[in-house]
Amino acid sequence: MLSDYTWPGNIRQLKNTVSALCCTSISDQIMTELLPQEILSWFKISGVSSPLEIDIPDEGFNIKTVIYNYEKEIYRKALEKTDGNRENAAKLLGINPPAFRKALRERFSFTE
């Protein structure tokens, strides 16, 4: 969760948070409930969940294909949620609209 957070206060906020977590933790693991409320709220509001639990099959898989398909589905869902409005879909994903349109066109073969 620490690596996924946007850190609006940049390195100073990260440093202070890690210091506080180290001081309040009673084990060598930092539990989610020790995170500051602003971070927990951000994950709840932004819809970002804690790290995914992934089961890697014994035969393995192609990580690039998995990531590509997952990202393509996120783009598709954002377009669906905004009734095809590409600018609003880009905003939903925190991407600038030209980059969003370029990814649709060049990486995901969506037509404009």
PDB file of N, CA and C in Angstrom:
ATOM      1  N   MET A   1       0.823  -1.185   0.000  1.00  0.00           N
ATOM      2  CA  MET A   1       0.000   0.000   0.000  1.00  0.00           C
ATOM      3  C   MET A   1       0.873   1.256   0.000  1.00  0.00           C
ATOM      4  N   LEU A   2       1.996   1.183   0.687  1.00  0.00           N
ATOM      5  CA  LEU A   2       2.883   2.349   0.724  1.00  0.00           C
ATOM      6  C   LEU A   2       3.402   2.691  -0.657  1.00  0.00           C
ATOM      7  N   SER A   3       3.708   1.682  -1.454  1.00  0.00           N
ATOM      8  CA  SER A   3       4.233   1.968  -2.795  1.00  0.00           C
ATOM      9  C   SER A   3       3.143   2.402  -3.763  1.00  0.00           C
ATOM     10  N   ASP A   4       1.887   2.070  -3.494  1.00  0.00           N
ATOM     11  CA  ASP A   4       0.789   2.458  -4.376  1.00  0.00           C
ATOM     12  C   ASP A   4       0.225   3.837  -4.057  1.00  0.00           C
ATOM     13  N   TYR A   5       0.486   4.349  -2.871  1.00  0.00           N
ATOM     14  CA  TYR A   5      -0.048   5.642  -2.466  1.00  0.00           C
ATOM     15  C   TYR A   5       0.616   6.757  -3.275  1.00  0.00           C
ATOM     16  N   THR A   6      -0.114   7.850  -3.538  1.00  0.00           N
ATOM     17  CA  THR A   6       0.405   8.919  -4.402  1.00  0.00           C
ATOM     18  C   THR A   6       1.359   9.881  -3.707  1.00  0.00           C
ATOM     19  N   TRP A   7       1.417   9.908  -2.403  1.00  0.00           N
ATOM     20  CA  TRP A   7       2.306  10.757  -1.617  1.00  0.00           C
ATOM     21  C   TRP A   7       2.276  12.223  -2.059  1.00  0.00           C
ATOM     22  N   PRO A   8       1.140  12.898  -1.798  1.00  0.00           N
ATOM     23  CA  PRO A   8       1.043  14.312  -2.186  1.00  0.00           C
ATOM     24  C   PRO A   8       2.067  15.196  -1.476  1.00  0.00           C
ATOM     25  N   GLY A   9       2.544  14.765  -0.323  1.00  0.00           N
ATOM     26  CA  GLY A   9       3.568  15.522   0.400  1.00  0.00           C
ATOM     27  C   GLY A   9       4.974  15.119  -0.002  1.00  0.00           C
ATOM     28  N   ASN A  10       5.079  14.273  -1.025  1.00  0.00           N
ATOM     29  CA  ASN A  10       6.346  13.801  -1.572  1.00  0.00           C
ATOM     30  C   ASN A  10       7.204  13.083  -0.529  1.00  0.00           C
ATOM     31  N   ILE A  11       8.504  13.172  -0.677  1.00  0.00           N
ATOM     32  CA  ILE A  11       9.435  12.379   0.138  1.00  0.00           C
ATOM     33  C   ILE A  11       9.343  12.714   1.622  1.00  0.00           C
ATOM     34  N   ARG A  12       9.072  13.956   1.944  1.00  0.00           N
ATOM     35  CA  ARG A  12       8.979  14.352   3.353  1.00  0.00           C
ATOM     36  C   ARG A  12       7.815  13.617   4.036  1.00  0.00           C
ATOM     37  N   GLN A  13       6.680  13.545   3.360  1.00  0.00           N
ATOM     38  CA  GLN A  13       5.530  12.842   3.928  1.00  0.00           C
ATOM     39  C   GLN A  13       5.828  11.343   4.060  1.00  0.00           C
ATOM     40  N   LEU A  14       6.446  10.771   3.054  1.00  0.00           N
ATOM     41  CA  LEU A  14       6.805   9.356   3.105  1.00  0.00           C
ATOM     42  C   LEU A  14       7.752   9.080   4.266  1.00  0.00           C
ATOM     43  N   LYS A  15       8.782   9.902   4.406  1.00  0.00           N
ATOM     44  CA  LYS A  15       9.765   9.722   5.479  1.00  0.00           C
ATOM     45  C   LYS A  15       9.095   9.809   6.849  1.00  0.00           C
ATOM     46  N   ASN A  16       8.242  10.800   7.052  1.00  0.00           N
ATOM     47  CA  ASN A  16       7.565  10.957   8.333  1.00  0.00           C
ATOM     48  C   ASN A  16       6.621   9.792   8.618  1.00  0.00           C
ATOM     49  N   THR A  17       5.940   9.323   7.596  1.00  0.00           N
ATOM     50  CA  THR A  17       5.023   8.196   7.772  1.00  0.00           C
ATOM     51  C   THR A  17       5.775   6.926   8.136  1.00  0.00           C
ATOM     52  N   VAL A  18       6.851   6.655   7.431  1.00  0.00           N
ATOM     53  CA  VAL A  18       7.637   5.442   7.719  1.00  0.00           C
ATOM     54  C   VAL A  18       8.229   5.523   9.124  1.00  0.00           C
ATOM     55  N   SER A  19       8.716   6.683   9.507  1.00  0.00           N
ATOM     56  CA  SER A  19       9.254   6.850  10.867  1.00  0.00           C
ATOM     57  C   SER A  19       8.185   6.575  11.914  1.00  0.00           C
ATOM     58  N   ALA A  20       7.003   7.137  11.703  1.00  0.00           N
ATOM     59  CA  ALA A  20       5.904   6.931  12.649  1.00  0.00           C
ATOM     60  C   ALA A  20       5.488   5.460  12.704  1.00  0.00           C
ATOM     61  N   LEU A  21       5.458   4.806  11.565  1.00  0.00           N
ATOM     62  CA  LEU A  21       5.083   3.393  11.521  1.00  0.00           C
ATOM     63  C   LEU A  21       6.101   2.533  12.259  1.00  0.00           C
ATOM     64  N   CYS A  22       7.367   2.850  12.094  1.00  0.00           N
ATOM     65  CA  CYS A  22       8.417   2.099  12.786  1.00  0.00           C
ATOM     66  C   CYS A  22       8.312   2.276  14.301  1.00  0.00           C
ATOM     67  N   CYS A  23       7.937   3.448  14.720  1.00  0.00           N
ATOM     68  CA  CYS A  23       7.818   3.731  16.159  1.00  0.00           C
ATOM     69  C   CYS A  23       6.604   3.061  16.787  1.00  0.00           C
ATOM     70  N   THR A  24       5.536   2.903  16.010  1.00  0.00           N
ATOM     71  CA  THR A  24       4.302   2.359  16.583  1.00  0.00           C
ATOM     72  C   THR A  24       4.137   0.863  16.390  1.00  0.00           C
ATOM     73  N   SER A  25       4.904   0.266  15.498  1.00  0.00           N
ATOM     74  CA  SER A  25       4.784  -1.169  15.246  1.00  0.00           C
ATOM     75  C   SER A  25       5.453  -1.956  16.363  1.00  0.00           C
ATOM     76  N   ILE A  26       4.799  -3.030  16.776  1.00  0.00           N
ATOM     77  CA  ILE A  26       5.378  -3.856  17.845  1.00  0.00           C
ATOM     78  C   ILE A  26       6.030  -5.123  17.281  1.00  0.00           C
ATOM     79  N   SER A  27       6.032  -5.251  15.955  1.00  0.00           N
ATOM     80  CA  SER A  27       6.694  -6.396  15.331  1.00  0.00           C
ATOM     81  C   SER A  27       7.498  -5.890  14.140  1.00  0.00           C
ATOM     82  N   ASP A  28       8.104  -6.819  13.417  1.00  0.00           N
ATOM     83  CA  ASP A  28       8.878  -6.404  12.248  1.00  0.00           C
ATOM     84  C   ASP A  28       7.997  -6.241  11.010  1.00  0.00           C
ATOM     85  N   GLN A  29       6.701  -6.426  11.178  1.00  0.00           N
ATOM     86  CA  GLN A  29       5.753  -6.198  10.089  1.00  0.00           C
ATOM     87  C   GLN A  29       4.870  -5.009  10.433  1.00  0.00           C
ATOM     88  N   ILE A  30       4.579  -4.200   9.430  1.00  0.00           N
ATOM     89  CA  ILE A  30       3.702  -3.050   9.624  1.00  0.00           C
ATOM     90  C   ILE A  30       2.311  -3.446   9.167  1.00  0.00           C
ATOM     91  N   MET A  31       1.384  -3.431  10.095  1.00  0.00           N
ATOM     92  CA  MET A  31       0.024  -3.840   9.798  1.00  0.00           C
ATOM     93  C   MET A  31      -0.759  -2.670   9.211  1.00  0.00           C
ATOM     94  N   THR A  32      -1.716  -2.982   8.367  1.00  0.00           N
ATOM     95  CA  THR A  32      -2.519  -1.973   7.692  1.00  0.00           C
ATOM     96  C   THR A  32      -3.172  -1.001   8.661  1.00  0.00           C
ATOM     97  N   GLU A  33      -3.641  -1.497   9.788  1.00  0.00           N
ATOM     98  CA  GLU A  33      -4.348  -0.629  10.734  1.00  0.00           C
ATOM     99  C   GLU A  33      -3.459   0.464  11.345  1.00  0.00           C
ATOM    100  N   LEU A  34      -2.149   0.346  11.192  1.00  0.00           N
ATOM    101  CA  LEU A  34      -1.250   1.382  11.698  1.00  0.00           C
ATOM    102  C   LEU A  34      -1.069   2.541  10.711  1.00  0.00           C
ATOM    103  N   LEU A  35      -1.507   2.353   9.489  1.00  0.00           N
ATOM    104  CA  LEU A  35      -1.365   3.421   8.493  1.00  0.00           C
ATOM    105  C   LEU A  35      -2.215   4.627   8.882  1.00  0.00           C
ATOM    106  N   PRO A  36      -1.728   5.833   8.569  1.00  0.00           N
ATOM    107  CA  PRO A  36      -2.515   7.035   8.864  1.00  0.00           C
ATOM    108  C   PRO A  36      -3.867   6.998   8.147  1.00  0.00           C
ATOM    109  N   GLN A  37      -4.859   7.607   8.752  1.00  0.00           N
ATOM    110  CA  GLN A  37      -6.211   7.605   8.214  1.00  0.00           C
ATOM    111  C   GLN A  37      -6.277   8.181   6.795  1.00  0.00           C
ATOM    112  N   GLU A  38      -5.472   9.200   6.519  1.00  0.00           N
ATOM    113  CA  GLU A  38      -5.508   9.799   5.182  1.00  0.00           C
ATOM    114  C   GLU A  38      -5.109   8.794   4.097  1.00  0.00           C
ATOM    115  N   ILE A  39      -4.192   7.912   4.413  1.00  0.00           N
ATOM    116  CA  ILE A  39      -3.773   6.898   3.444  1.00  0.00           C
ATOM    117  C   ILE A  39      -4.868   5.842   3.293  1.00  0.00           C
ATOM    118  N   LEU A  40      -5.405   5.381   4.408  1.00  0.00           N
ATOM    119  CA  LEU A  40      -6.484   4.398   4.346  1.00  0.00           C
ATOM    120  C   LEU A  40      -7.684   4.959   3.596  1.00  0.00           C
ATOM    121  N   SER A  41      -8.008   6.220   3.844  1.00  0.00           N
ATOM    122  CA  SER A  41      -9.134   6.862   3.155  1.00  0.00           C
ATOM    123  C   SER A  41      -8.869   6.971   1.668  1.00  0.00           C
ATOM    124  N   TRP A  42      -7.638   7.287   1.300  1.00  0.00           N
ATOM    125  CA  TRP A  42      -7.306   7.422  -0.116  1.00  0.00           C
ATOM    126  C   TRP A  42      -7.573   6.108  -0.851  1.00  0.00           C
ATOM    127  N   PHE A  43      -7.182   5.001  -0.260  1.00  0.00           N
ATOM    128  CA  PHE A  43      -7.406   3.716  -0.912  1.00  0.00           C
ATOM    129  C   PHE A  43      -8.895   3.419  -1.024  1.00  0.00           C
ATOM    130  N   LYS A  44      -9.639   3.775  -0.011  1.00  0.00           N
ATOM    131  CA  LYS A  44     -11.083   3.542  -0.028  1.00  0.00           C
ATOM    132  C   LYS A  44     -11.750   4.427  -1.076  1.00  0.00           C
ATOM    133  N   ILE A  45     -11.384   5.700  -1.129  1.00  0.00           N
ATOM    134  CA  ILE A  45     -11.991   6.657  -2.055  1.00  0.00           C
ATOM    135  C   ILE A  45     -11.556   6.382  -3.484  1.00  0.00           C
ATOM    136  N   SER A  46     -10.281   6.100  -3.690  1.00  0.00           N
ATOM    137  CA  SER A  46      -9.772   5.946  -5.048  1.00  0.00           C
ATOM    138  C   SER A  46     -10.151   4.612  -5.675  1.00  0.00           C
ATOM    139  N   GLY A  47     -10.635   3.688  -4.869  1.00  0.00           N
ATOM    140  CA  GLY A  47     -10.987   2.381  -5.401  1.00  0.00           C
ATOM    141  C   GLY A  47      -9.791   1.474  -5.580  1.00  0.00           C
ATOM    142  N   VAL A  48      -8.619   1.932  -5.180  1.00  0.00           N
ATOM    143  CA  VAL A  48      -7.424   1.105  -5.275  1.00  0.00           C
ATOM    144  C   VAL A  48      -7.431   0.169  -4.077  1.00  0.00           C
ATOM    145  N   SER A  49      -7.253  -1.076  -4.329  1.00  0.00           N
ATOM    146  CA  SER A  49      -7.249  -2.029  -3.232  1.00  0.00           C
ATOM    147  C   SER A  49      -5.821  -2.313  -2.800  1.00  0.00           C
ATOM    148  N   SER A  50      -5.723  -3.048  -1.732  1.00  0.00           N
ATOM    149  CA  SER A  50      -4.402  -3.460  -1.294  1.00  0.00           C
ATOM    150  C   SER A  50      -3.842  -4.415  -2.342  1.00  0.00           C
ATOM    151  N   PRO A  51      -2.577  -4.740  -2.257  1.00  0.00           N
ATOM    152  CA  PRO A  51      -1.966  -5.584  -3.289  1.00  0.00           C
ATOM    153  C   PRO A  51      -2.783  -6.839  -3.586  1.00  0.00           C
ATOM    154  N   LEU A  52      -2.823  -7.194  -4.859  1.00  0.00           N
ATOM    155  CA  LEU A  52      -3.580  -8.360  -5.293  1.00  0.00           C
ATOM    156  C   LEU A  52      -2.936  -9.639  -4.783  1.00  0.00           C
ATOM    157  N   GLU A  53      -3.779 -10.586  -4.461  1.00  0.00           N
ATOM    158  CA  GLU A  53      -3.252 -11.902  -4.136  1.00  0.00           C
ATOM    159  C   GLU A  53      -3.223 -12.680  -5.445  1.00  0.00           C
ATOM    160  N   ILE A  54      -2.054 -13.117  -5.807  1.00  0.00           N
ATOM    161  CA  ILE A  54      -1.889 -13.777  -7.093  1.00  0.00           C
ATOM    162  C   ILE A  54      -1.328 -15.172  -6.874  1.00  0.00           C
ATOM    163  N   ASP A  55      -1.967 -16.129  -7.512  1.00  0.00           N
ATOM    164  CA  ASP A  55      -1.495 -17.501  -7.465  1.00  0.00           C
ATOM    165  C   ASP A  55      -0.826 -17.789  -8.801  1.00  0.00           C
ATOM    166  N   ILE A  56       0.455 -18.027  -8.767  1.00  0.00           N
ATOM    167  CA  ILE A  56       1.186 -18.315 -10.003  1.00  0.00           C
ATOM    168  C   ILE A  56       1.150 -19.823 -10.226  1.00  0.00           C
ATOM    169  N   PRO A  57       0.588 -20.246 -11.362  1.00  0.00           N
ATOM    170  CA  PRO A  57       0.517 -21.695 -11.622  1.00  0.00           C
ATOM    171  C   PRO A  57       1.902 -22.296 -11.798  1.00  0.00           C
ATOM    172  N   ASP A  58       2.002 -23.582 -11.557  1.00  0.00           N
ATOM    173  CA  ASP A  58       3.287 -24.270 -11.678  1.00  0.00           C
ATOM    174  C   ASP A  58       3.900 -24.116 -13.062  1.00  0.00           C
ATOM    175  N   GLU A  59       3.036 -24.049 -14.086  1.00  0.00           N
ATOM    176  CA  GLU A  59       3.552 -23.901 -15.451  1.00  0.00           C
ATOM    177  C   GLU A  59       3.896 -22.455 -15.799  1.00  0.00           C
ATOM    178  N   GLY A  60       3.577 -21.524 -14.876  1.00  0.00           N
ATOM    179  CA  GLY A  60       3.889 -20.118 -15.076  1.00  0.00           C
ATOM    180  C   GLY A  60       2.917 -19.444 -16.029  1.00  0.00           C
ATOM    181  N   PHE A  61       3.203 -18.188 -16.369  1.00  0.00           N
ATOM    182  CA  PHE A  61       2.398 -17.458 -17.335  1.00  0.00           C
ATOM    183  C   PHE A  61       3.221 -16.301 -17.882  1.00  0.00           C
ATOM    184  N   ASN A  62       2.738 -15.703 -18.962  1.00  0.00           N
ATOM    185  CA  ASN A  62       3.419 -14.576 -19.585  1.00  0.00           C
ATOM    186  C   ASN A  62       2.939 -13.300 -18.911  1.00  0.00           C
ATOM    187  N   ILE A  63       3.773 -12.712 -18.066  1.00  0.00           N
ATOM    188  CA  ILE A  63       3.369 -11.544 -17.287  1.00  0.00           C
ATOM    189  C   ILE A  63       3.005 -10.351 -18.170  1.00  0.00           C
ATOM    190  N   LYS A  64       3.711 -10.176 -19.291  1.00  0.00           N
ATOM    191  CA  LYS A  64       3.404  -9.048 -20.178  1.00  0.00           C
ATOM    192  C   LYS A  64       2.004  -9.173 -20.760  1.00  0.00           C
ATOM    193  N   THR A  65       1.607 -10.371 -21.105  1.00  0.00           N
ATOM    194  CA  THR A  65       0.267 -10.597 -21.644  1.00  0.00           C
ATOM    195  C   THR A  65      -0.793 -10.351 -20.574  1.00  0.00           C
ATOM    196  N   VAL A  66      -0.541 -10.818 -19.375  1.00  0.00           N
ATOM    197  CA  VAL A  66      -1.489 -10.619 -18.280  1.00  0.00           C
ATOM    198  C   VAL A  66      -1.665  -9.134 -17.988  1.00  0.00           C
ATOM    199  N   ILE A  67      -0.567  -8.400 -17.890  1.00  0.00           N
ATOM    200  CA  ILE A  67      -0.625  -6.961 -17.603  1.00  0.00           C
ATOM    201  C   ILE A  67      -1.312  -6.217 -18.746  1.00  0.00           C
ATOM    202  N   TYR A  68      -0.983  -6.560 -19.981  1.00  0.00           N
ATOM    203  CA  TYR A  68      -1.610  -5.933 -21.139  1.00  0.00           C
ATOM    204  C   TYR A  68      -3.129  -6.128 -21.106  1.00  0.00           C
ATOM    205  N   ASN A  69      -3.559  -7.367 -20.891  1.00  0.00           N
ATOM    206  CA  ASN A  69      -5.001  -7.659 -20.867  1.00  0.00           C
ATOM    207  C   ASN A  69      -5.702  -6.955 -19.710  1.00  0.00           C
ATOM    208  N   TYR A  70      -5.058  -6.892 -18.574  1.00  0.00           N
ATOM    209  CA  TYR A  70      -5.636  -6.225 -17.412  1.00  0.00           C
ATOM    210  C   TYR A  70      -5.783  -4.725 -17.689  1.00  0.00           C
ATOM    211  N   GLU A  71      -4.732  -4.113 -18.231  1.00  0.00           N
ATOM    212  CA  GLU A  71      -4.775  -2.686 -18.534  1.00  0.00           C
ATOM    213  C   GLU A  71      -5.824  -2.381 -19.606  1.00  0.00           C
ATOM    214  N   LYS A  72      -5.896  -3.211 -20.626  1.00  0.00           N
ATOM    215  CA  LYS A  72      -6.892  -3.014 -21.683  1.00  0.00           C
ATOM    216  C   LYS A  72      -8.305  -3.064 -21.106  1.00  0.00           C
ATOM    217  N   GLU A  73      -8.531  -3.973 -20.200  1.00  0.00           N
ATOM    218  CA  GLU A  73      -9.851  -4.087 -19.562  1.00  0.00           C
ATOM    219  C   GLU A  73     -10.162  -2.862 -18.707  1.00  0.00           C
ATOM    220  N   ILE A  74      -9.158  -2.304 -18.051  1.00  0.00           N
ATOM    221  CA  ILE A  74      -9.353  -1.076 -17.261  1.00  0.00           C
ATOM    222  C   ILE A  74      -9.754   0.071 -18.186  1.00  0.00           C
ATOM    223  N   TYR A  75      -9.084   0.212 -19.305  1.00  0.00           N
ATOM    224  CA  TYR A  75      -9.434   1.255 -20.276  1.00  0.00           C
ATOM    225  C   TYR A  75     -10.864   1.053 -20.771  1.00  0.00           C
ATOM    226  N   ARG A  76     -11.210  -0.188 -21.100  1.00  0.00           N
ATOM    227  CA  ARG A  76     -12.551  -0.491 -21.597  1.00  0.00           C
ATOM    228  C   ARG A  76     -13.615  -0.152 -20.561  1.00  0.00           C
ATOM    229  N   LYS A  77     -13.363  -0.523 -19.308  1.00  0.00           N
ATOM    230  CA  LYS A  77     -14.325  -0.236 -18.223  1.00  0.00           C
ATOM    231  C   LYS A  77     -14.469   1.264 -18.008  1.00  0.00           C
ATOM    232  N   ALA A  78     -13.367   2.010 -18.106  1.00  0.00           N
ATOM    233  CA  ALA A  78     -13.439   3.466 -17.939  1.00  0.00           C
ATOM    234  C   ALA A  78     -14.283   4.078 -19.051  1.00  0.00           C
ATOM    235  N   LEU A  79     -14.116   3.599 -20.270  1.00  0.00           N
ATOM    236  CA  LEU A  79     -14.937   4.093 -21.384  1.00  0.00           C
ATOM    237  C   LEU A  79     -16.404   3.731 -21.182  1.00  0.00           C
ATOM    238  N   GLU A  80     -16.639   2.530 -20.714  1.00  0.00           N
ATOM    239  CA  GLU A  80     -18.007   2.088 -20.447  1.00  0.00           C
ATOM    240  C   GLU A  80     -18.668   2.964 -19.377  1.00  0.00           C
ATOM    241  N   LYS A  81     -17.921   3.238 -18.326  1.00  0.00           N
ATOM    242  CA  LYS A  81     -18.450   4.032 -17.213  1.00  0.00           C
ATOM    243  C   LYS A  81     -18.761   5.465 -17.632  1.00  0.00           C
ATOM    244  N   THR A  82     -18.041   5.982 -18.625  1.00  0.00           N
ATOM    245  CA  THR A  82     -18.238   7.365 -19.066  1.00  0.00           C
ATOM    246  C   THR A  82     -19.019   7.431 -20.380  1.00  0.00           C
ATOM    247  N   ASP A  83     -19.716   6.359 -20.713  1.00  0.00           N
ATOM    248  CA  ASP A  83     -20.500   6.294 -21.955  1.00  0.00           C
ATOM    249  C   ASP A  83     -19.668   6.655 -23.183  1.00  0.00           C
ATOM    250  N   GLY A  84     -18.421   6.200 -23.207  1.00  0.00           N
ATOM    251  CA  GLY A  84     -17.552   6.409 -24.356  1.00  0.00           C
ATOM    252  C   GLY A  84     -16.835   7.748 -24.394  1.00  0.00           C
ATOM    253  N   ASN A  85     -17.009   8.580 -23.383  1.00  0.00           N
ATOM    254  CA  ASN A  85     -16.339   9.882 -23.349  1.00  0.00           C
ATOM    255  C   ASN A  85     -14.879   9.665 -22.957  1.00  0.00           C
ATOM    256  N   ARG A  86     -13.995   9.828 -23.928  1.00  0.00           N
ATOM    257  CA  ARG A  86     -12.581   9.523 -23.721  1.00  0.00           C
ATOM    258  C   ARG A  86     -11.901  10.482 -22.742  1.00  0.00           C
ATOM    259  N   GLU A  87     -12.284  11.744 -22.778  1.00  0.00           N
ATOM    260  CA  GLU A  87     -11.678  12.708 -21.858  1.00  0.00           C
ATOM    261  C   GLU A  87     -12.045  12.380 -20.413  1.00  0.00           C
ATOM    262  N   ASN A  88     -13.309  12.073 -20.176  1.00  0.00           N
ATOM    263  CA  ASN A  88     -13.738  11.725 -18.818  1.00  0.00           C
ATOM    264  C   ASN A  88     -13.150  10.388 -18.375  1.00  0.00           C
ATOM    265  N   ALA A  89     -13.024   9.451 -19.308  1.00  0.00           N
ATOM    266  CA  ALA A  89     -12.409   8.156 -18.982  1.00  0.00           C
ATOM    267  C   ALA A  89     -10.950   8.357 -18.582  1.00  0.00           C
ATOM    268  N   ALA A  90     -10.251   9.219 -19.309  1.00  0.00           N
ATOM    269  CA  ALA A  90      -8.849   9.514 -18.969  1.00  0.00           C
ATOM    270  C   ALA A  90      -8.761  10.111 -17.570  1.00  0.00           C
ATOM    271  N   LYS A  91      -9.651  11.046 -17.260  1.00  0.00           N
ATOM    272  CA  LYS A  91      -9.656  11.665 -15.928  1.00  0.00           C
ATOM    273  C   LYS A  91      -9.916  10.633 -14.841  1.00  0.00           C
ATOM    274  N   LEU A  92     -10.816   9.691 -15.114  1.00  0.00           N
ATOM    275  CA  LEU A  92     -11.091   8.625 -14.138  1.00  0.00           C
ATOM    276  C   LEU A  92      -9.830   7.841 -13.788  1.00  0.00           C
ATOM    277  N   LEU A  93      -8.970   7.676 -14.770  1.00  0.00           N
ATOM    278  CA  LEU A  93      -7.762   6.872 -14.584  1.00  0.00           C
ATOM    279  C   LEU A  93      -6.530   7.702 -14.237  1.00  0.00           C
ATOM    280  N   GLY A  94      -6.702   9.020 -14.144  1.00  0.00           N
ATOM    281  CA  GLY A  94      -5.572   9.873 -13.792  1.00  0.00           C
ATOM    282  C   GLY A  94      -4.557   9.992 -14.916  1.00  0.00           C
ATOM    283  N   ILE A  95      -5.038   9.914 -16.149  1.00  0.00           N
ATOM    284  CA  ILE A  95      -4.171   9.981 -17.325  1.00  0.00           C
ATOM    285  C   ILE A  95      -4.574  11.219 -18.116  1.00  0.00           C
ATOM    286  N   ASN A  96      -3.596  11.896 -18.726  1.00  0.00           N
ATOM    287  CA  ASN A  96      -4.008  13.040 -19.530  1.00  0.00           C
ATOM    288  C   ASN A  96      -4.679  12.530 -20.801  1.00  0.00           C
ATOM    289  N   PRO A  97      -5.726  13.229 -21.274  1.00  0.00           N
ATOM    290  CA  PRO A  97      -6.523  12.738 -22.407  1.00  0.00           C
ATOM    291  C   PRO A  97      -5.738  12.394 -23.667  1.00  0.00           C
ATOM    292  N   PRO A  98      -4.742  13.200 -24.084  1.00  0.00           N
ATOM    293  CA  PRO A  98      -4.004  12.792 -25.291  1.00  0.00           C
ATOM    294  C   PRO A  98      -3.281  11.443 -25.119  1.00  0.00           C
ATOM    295  N   ALA A  99      -2.711  11.210 -23.949  1.00  0.00           N
ATOM    296  CA  ALA A  99      -2.023   9.928 -23.701  1.00  0.00           C
ATOM    297  C   ALA A  99      -3.026   8.783 -23.689  1.00  0.00           C
ATOM    298  N   PHE A 100      -4.194   9.027 -23.134  1.00  0.00           N
ATOM    299  CA  PHE A 100      -5.250   8.018 -23.103  1.00  0.00           C
ATOM    300  C   PHE A 100      -5.667   7.649 -24.533  1.00  0.00           C
ATOM    301  N   ARG A 101      -5.927   8.672 -25.368  1.00  0.00           N
ATOM    302  CA  ARG A 101      -6.343   8.430 -26.752  1.00  0.00           C
ATOM    303  C   ARG A 101      -5.243   7.703 -27.543  1.00  0.00           C
ATOM    304  N   LYS A 102      -3.991   8.094 -27.294  1.00  0.00           N
ATOM    305  CA  LYS A 102      -2.871   7.449 -27.985  1.00  0.00           C
ATOM    306  C   LYS A 102      -2.780   5.968 -27.601  1.00  0.00           C
ATOM    307  N   ALA A 103      -2.945   5.662 -26.317  1.00  0.00           N
ATOM    308  CA  ALA A 103      -2.910   4.269 -25.876  1.00  0.00           C
ATOM    309  C   ALA A 103      -4.052   3.483 -26.505  1.00  0.00           C
ATOM    310  N   LEU A 104      -5.229   4.072 -26.570  1.00  0.00           N
ATOM    311  CA  LEU A 104      -6.362   3.393 -27.200  1.00  0.00           C
ATOM    312  C   LEU A 104      -6.053   3.064 -28.656  1.00  0.00           C
ATOM    313  N   ARG A 105      -5.498   4.028 -29.339  1.00  0.00           N
ATOM    314  CA  ARG A 105      -5.233   3.894 -30.773  1.00  0.00           C
ATOM    315  C   ARG A 105      -4.063   2.944 -31.052  1.00  0.00           C
ATOM    316  N   GLU A 106      -2.942   3.152 -30.347  1.00  0.00           N
ATOM    317  CA  GLU A 106      -1.721   2.437 -30.706  1.00  0.00           C
ATOM    318  C   GLU A 106      -1.507   1.133 -29.963  1.00  0.00           C
ATOM    319  N   ARG A 107      -1.908   1.067 -28.709  1.00  0.00           N
ATOM    320  CA  ARG A 107      -1.640  -0.153 -27.929  1.00  0.00           C
ATOM    321  C   ARG A 107      -2.832  -1.107 -27.911  1.00  0.00           C
ATOM    322  N   PHE A 108      -4.043  -0.544 -27.874  1.00  0.00           N
ATOM    323  CA  PHE A 108      -5.206  -1.378 -27.679  1.00  0.00           C
ATOM    324  C   PHE A 108      -6.097  -1.495 -28.924  1.00  0.00           C
ATOM    325  N   SER A 109      -5.723  -0.825 -30.006  1.00  0.00           N
ATOM    326  CA  SER A 109      -6.427  -0.892 -31.296  1.00  0.00           C
ATOM    327  C   SER A 109      -7.901  -0.519 -31.202  1.00  0.00           C
ATOM    328  N   PHE A 110      -8.229   0.397 -30.281  1.00  0.00           N
ATOM    329  CA  PHE A 110      -9.582   0.940 -30.263  1.00  0.00           C
ATOM    330  C   PHE A 110      -9.631   1.993 -31.365  1.00  0.00           C
ATOM    331  N   THR A 111     -10.701   2.060 -32.124  1.00  0.00           N
ATOM    332  CA  THR A 111     -10.798   3.067 -33.172  1.00  0.00           C
ATOM    333  C   THR A 111     -11.419   4.342 -32.610  1.00  0.00           C
ATOM    334  N   GLU A 112     -11.027   5.478 -33.201  1.00  0.00           N
ATOM    335  CA  GLU A 112     -11.583   6.753 -32.746  1.00  0.00           C
ATOM    336  C   GLU A 112     -12.785   7.121 -33.557  1.00  0.00           C
TER     337      GLU A 112
END
